[in-house]
Amino acid sequence: MDWGMSELLKNPKVLHKLQAEVRDVTQGKPEITRADMEKMQYLKAVIKETMRLHTPVPLLGPKESNQDVKVMGYDVPKNTQVLVNAWAIARDPLLWENPEEFRPERFLSSSVDFHGLNFELIPFGAGRRVCPGINFAMSVTELALAKLVNTFNFTSPDGINPNELDMTESFGITVHRKFPLHAIATPYSC
């Protein structure tokens, strides 16, 4: 949520497009239903792009090779522990056009998803060891973000230019903002 709101404040056009989609689907209703959520494709794209740029866990848990294998010209012997750098994969210019840009539109016409089958986007891991909480996490994130952008208009405090928003990451077990996000939320009225 923190990174999603940060990217939306930094990219006001994306924020307005997301608000337009959510507000068009909800038609002024105070509650958002599961059926409403299924219609919000741009919301899903915003969350995918947020997860791509700001992978929550940069290094996935260690894996062990069960046979000798060659990967990109490197020999990986059987029983070798391997760490996958999901953060680097998500920003690889060989996989993503303009990888440092926040562009949710890249997911609107793409089947790439983060459920562990598309290895260019693996914020929750992949294969048999994919995060078991992925569906819960995404449902909560989608609903919370939709409710926020439906209920409020957001601006940066003190007239800060969106391009000046500090997006410095602080690394640890998870990647989080180095400095807290500050935003002004004004209630939206139809």
Protein backbone atom coordinates (compact mmCIF):
# COMPACT_ATOMS: atom_id res chain seq x y z
CA MET A 1 0.00 0.00 0.00
CA ASP A 2 2.78 2.41 0.96
CA TRP A 3 4.61 1.97 -2.34
CA GLY A 4 1.36 2.02 -4.32
CA MET A 5 0.27 5.32 -2.82
CA SER A 6 3.79 6.71 -3.27
CA GLU A 7 3.78 5.85 -6.97
CA LEU A 8 0.28 7.27 -7.40
CA LEU A 9 1.30 10.57 -5.78
CA LYS A 10 4.42 10.68 -7.93
CA ASN A 11 2.34 9.97 -11.04
CA PRO A 12 -0.83 12.11 -10.82
CA LYS A 13 -2.08 11.04 -14.28
CA VAL A 14 -2.05 7.41 -13.15
CA LEU A 15 -3.82 8.37 -9.92
CA HIS A 16 -6.56 10.24 -11.82
CA LYS A 17 -6.99 7.37 -14.28
CA LEU A 18 -7.31 4.90 -11.39
CA GLN A 19 -9.78 7.13 -9.56
CA ALA A 20 -11.85 7.47 -12.74
CA GLU A 21 -12.01 3.69 -13.16
CA VAL A 22 -12.91 2.99 -9.53
CA ARG A 23 -15.47 5.79 -9.34
CA ASP A 24 -17.03 4.77 -12.65
CA VAL A 25 -17.42 1.16 -11.47
CA THR A 26 -18.76 2.03 -7.99
CA GLN A 27 -21.18 4.73 -9.20
CA GLY A 28 -21.13 6.48 -5.81
CA LYS A 29 -21.86 3.35 -3.75
CA PRO A 30 -20.18 3.44 -0.33
CA GLU A 31 -19.26 -0.25 -0.44
CA ILE A 32 -17.19 -2.02 -3.07
CA THR A 33 -18.23 -5.59 -3.89
CA ARG A 34 -16.22 -8.50 -5.27
CA ALA A 35 -18.16 -8.08 -8.54
CA ASP A 36 -17.02 -4.44 -8.65
CA MET A 37 -13.41 -5.50 -8.05
CA GLU A 38 -13.49 -7.89 -11.03
CA LYS A 39 -14.25 -4.92 -13.33
CA MET A 40 -11.24 -2.87 -12.16
CA GLN A 41 -8.54 -3.94 -14.59
CA TYR A 42 -6.51 -0.75 -14.25
CA LEU A 43 -6.43 -1.23 -10.45
CA LYS A 44 -4.96 -4.71 -10.99
CA ALA A 45 -2.39 -3.25 -13.41
CA VAL A 46 -1.40 -0.55 -10.88
CA ILE A 47 -0.84 -3.19 -8.21
CA LYS A 48 1.17 -5.45 -10.56
CA GLU A 49 3.36 -2.52 -11.56
CA THR A 50 3.82 -1.55 -7.91
CA MET A 51 4.83 -5.14 -7.05
CA ARG A 52 7.22 -5.17 -10.00
CA LEU A 53 8.99 -1.94 -9.10
CA HIS A 54 8.87 -2.46 -5.34
CA THR A 55 9.24 -6.18 -4.81
CA PRO A 56 8.47 -6.70 -1.10
CA VAL A 57 11.15 -9.35 -0.55
CA PRO A 58 14.11 -8.67 -2.85
CA LEU A 59 15.86 -12.00 -2.29
CA LEU A 60 13.57 -15.00 -2.32
CA GLY A 61 14.17 -17.78 0.20
CA PRO A 62 17.04 -20.12 -0.64
CA LYS A 63 16.43 -22.95 -3.09
CA GLU A 64 18.54 -26.05 -3.57
CA SER A 65 19.27 -27.57 -6.94
CA ASN A 66 18.28 -31.23 -7.10
CA GLN A 67 20.50 -31.98 -10.10
CA ASP A 68 23.48 -30.55 -11.96
CA VAL A 69 22.27 -27.76 -14.23
CA LYS A 70 23.68 -25.05 -16.47
CA VAL A 71 22.06 -21.61 -16.10
CA MET A 72 23.09 -18.79 -18.44
CA GLY A 73 26.46 -20.44 -19.04
CA TYR A 74 27.13 -21.16 -15.35
CA ASP A 75 27.39 -24.67 -13.93
CA VAL A 76 25.24 -25.12 -10.83
CA PRO A 77 26.12 -28.42 -9.16
CA LYS A 78 23.53 -30.61 -7.45
CA ASN A 79 22.73 -29.57 -3.83
CA THR A 80 23.84 -25.96 -4.36
CA GLN A 81 21.83 -23.34 -2.46
CA VAL A 82 20.66 -20.58 -4.77
CA LEU A 83 19.17 -17.19 -3.91
CA VAL A 84 16.92 -15.60 -6.53
CA ASN A 85 17.10 -11.80 -6.77
CA ALA A 86 13.46 -10.98 -7.60
CA TRP A 87 14.19 -7.25 -7.31
CA ALA A 88 16.82 -7.38 -10.07
CA ILE A 89 14.64 -9.54 -12.32
CA ALA A 90 11.77 -7.06 -12.02
CA ARG A 91 14.06 -4.22 -13.16
CA ASP A 92 15.95 -6.09 -15.87
CA PRO A 93 16.00 -4.03 -19.12
CA LEU A 94 16.17 -7.27 -21.12
CA LEU A 95 12.74 -8.22 -19.73
CA TRP A 96 11.05 -4.83 -19.29
CA GLU A 97 10.92 -1.77 -21.53
CA ASN A 98 11.94 1.30 -19.48
CA PRO A 99 12.13 -0.79 -16.28
CA GLU A 100 12.58 2.16 -13.92
CA GLU A 101 9.34 3.85 -15.08
CA PHE A 102 6.04 3.32 -13.30
CA ARG A 103 3.74 2.36 -16.19
CA PRO A 104 0.75 0.19 -15.19
CA GLU A 105 -0.38 0.19 -18.83
CA ARG A 106 2.31 -2.42 -19.56
CA PHE A 107 0.06 -4.98 -17.82
CA LEU A 108 -3.24 -4.08 -19.51
CA SER A 109 -2.49 -6.10 -22.65
CA SER A 110 -0.20 -8.64 -21.00
CA SER A 111 -0.92 -12.03 -19.49
CA VAL A 112 2.06 -11.68 -17.12
CA ASP A 113 0.93 -12.23 -13.55
CA PHE A 114 2.64 -12.67 -10.19
CA HIS A 115 1.22 -16.07 -9.25
CA GLY A 116 4.58 -17.75 -9.88
CA LEU A 117 4.20 -18.88 -13.50
CA ASN A 118 5.79 -15.83 -15.17
CA PHE A 119 9.36 -15.74 -13.96
CA GLU A 120 9.88 -12.10 -14.94
CA LEU A 121 7.47 -11.09 -12.14
CA ILE A 122 7.88 -13.13 -8.95
CA PRO A 123 7.32 -10.90 -5.90
CA PHE A 124 5.65 -13.84 -4.13
CA GLY A 125 8.07 -16.51 -5.32
CA ALA A 126 7.31 -19.26 -7.80
CA GLY A 127 6.57 -22.91 -8.20
CA ARG A 128 5.68 -25.17 -5.29
CA ARG A 129 7.09 -22.68 -2.80
CA VAL A 130 5.00 -19.68 -3.89
CA CYS A 131 3.69 -17.62 -0.96
CA PRO A 132 0.51 -19.27 0.37
CA GLY A 133 -0.92 -15.88 1.35
CA ILE A 134 -0.85 -14.39 -2.16
CA ASN A 135 -4.62 -14.47 -2.72
CA PHE A 136 -5.39 -12.96 0.68
CA ALA A 137 -2.70 -10.28 0.29
CA MET A 138 -3.92 -9.27 -3.15
CA SER A 139 -7.61 -9.20 -2.15
CA VAL A 140 -6.86 -6.97 0.84
CA THR A 141 -4.54 -4.69 -1.18
CA GLU A 142 -6.99 -4.32 -4.07
CA LEU A 143 -9.91 -3.52 -1.78
CA ALA A 144 -7.97 -1.10 0.41
CA LEU A 145 -6.48 0.80 -2.53
CA ALA A 146 -9.84 0.94 -4.33
CA LYS A 147 -11.58 2.29 -1.20
CA LEU A 148 -8.87 4.93 -0.68
CA VAL A 149 -8.93 6.30 -4.23
CA ASN A 150 -12.73 6.10 -4.32
CA THR A 151 -13.20 8.02 -1.08
CA PHE A 152 -10.39 10.61 -1.20
CA ASN A 153 -8.49 12.91 -3.50
CA PHE A 154 -4.77 12.95 -2.70
CA THR A 155 -2.10 15.61 -3.01
CA SER A 156 1.46 16.00 -1.81
CA PRO A 157 1.90 18.21 1.25
CA ASP A 158 3.37 21.71 1.10
CA GLY A 159 3.03 21.90 -2.67
CA ILE A 160 5.81 19.38 -3.26
CA ASN A 161 6.22 18.70 -6.97
CA PRO A 162 5.39 15.01 -7.65
CA ASN A 163 8.77 14.60 -9.38
CA GLU A 164 10.48 15.62 -6.12
CA LEU A 165 8.85 12.87 -4.04
CA ASP A 166 11.67 10.94 -2.37
CA MET A 167 11.38 7.28 -3.39
CA THR A 168 14.54 6.11 -1.63
CA GLU A 169 14.30 2.46 -0.64
CA SER A 170 15.57 1.02 2.60
CA PHE A 171 16.69 -2.57 2.24
CA GLY A 172 16.29 -5.30 4.80
CA ILE A 173 14.32 -8.51 4.82
CA THR A 174 11.66 -6.43 3.06
CA VAL A 175 12.07 -3.29 0.96
CA HIS A 176 10.35 -0.28 2.46
CA ARG A 177 10.49 3.48 2.08
CA LYS A 178 13.46 5.11 3.76
CA PHE A 179 11.33 8.15 4.64
CA PRO A 180 7.62 7.99 5.55
CA LEU A 181 5.06 8.97 2.96
CA HIS A 182 3.12 12.13 3.72
CA ALA A 183 -0.02 12.95 1.75
CA ILE A 184 -3.06 15.14 2.09
CA ALA A 185 -6.35 13.25 1.74
CA THR A 186 -9.42 15.33 0.98
CA PRO A 187 -12.83 13.66 1.05
CA TYR A 188 -14.28 13.20 -2.43
CA SER A 189 -17.85 14.19 -3.05
CA CYS A 190 -19.62 13.21 -6.28
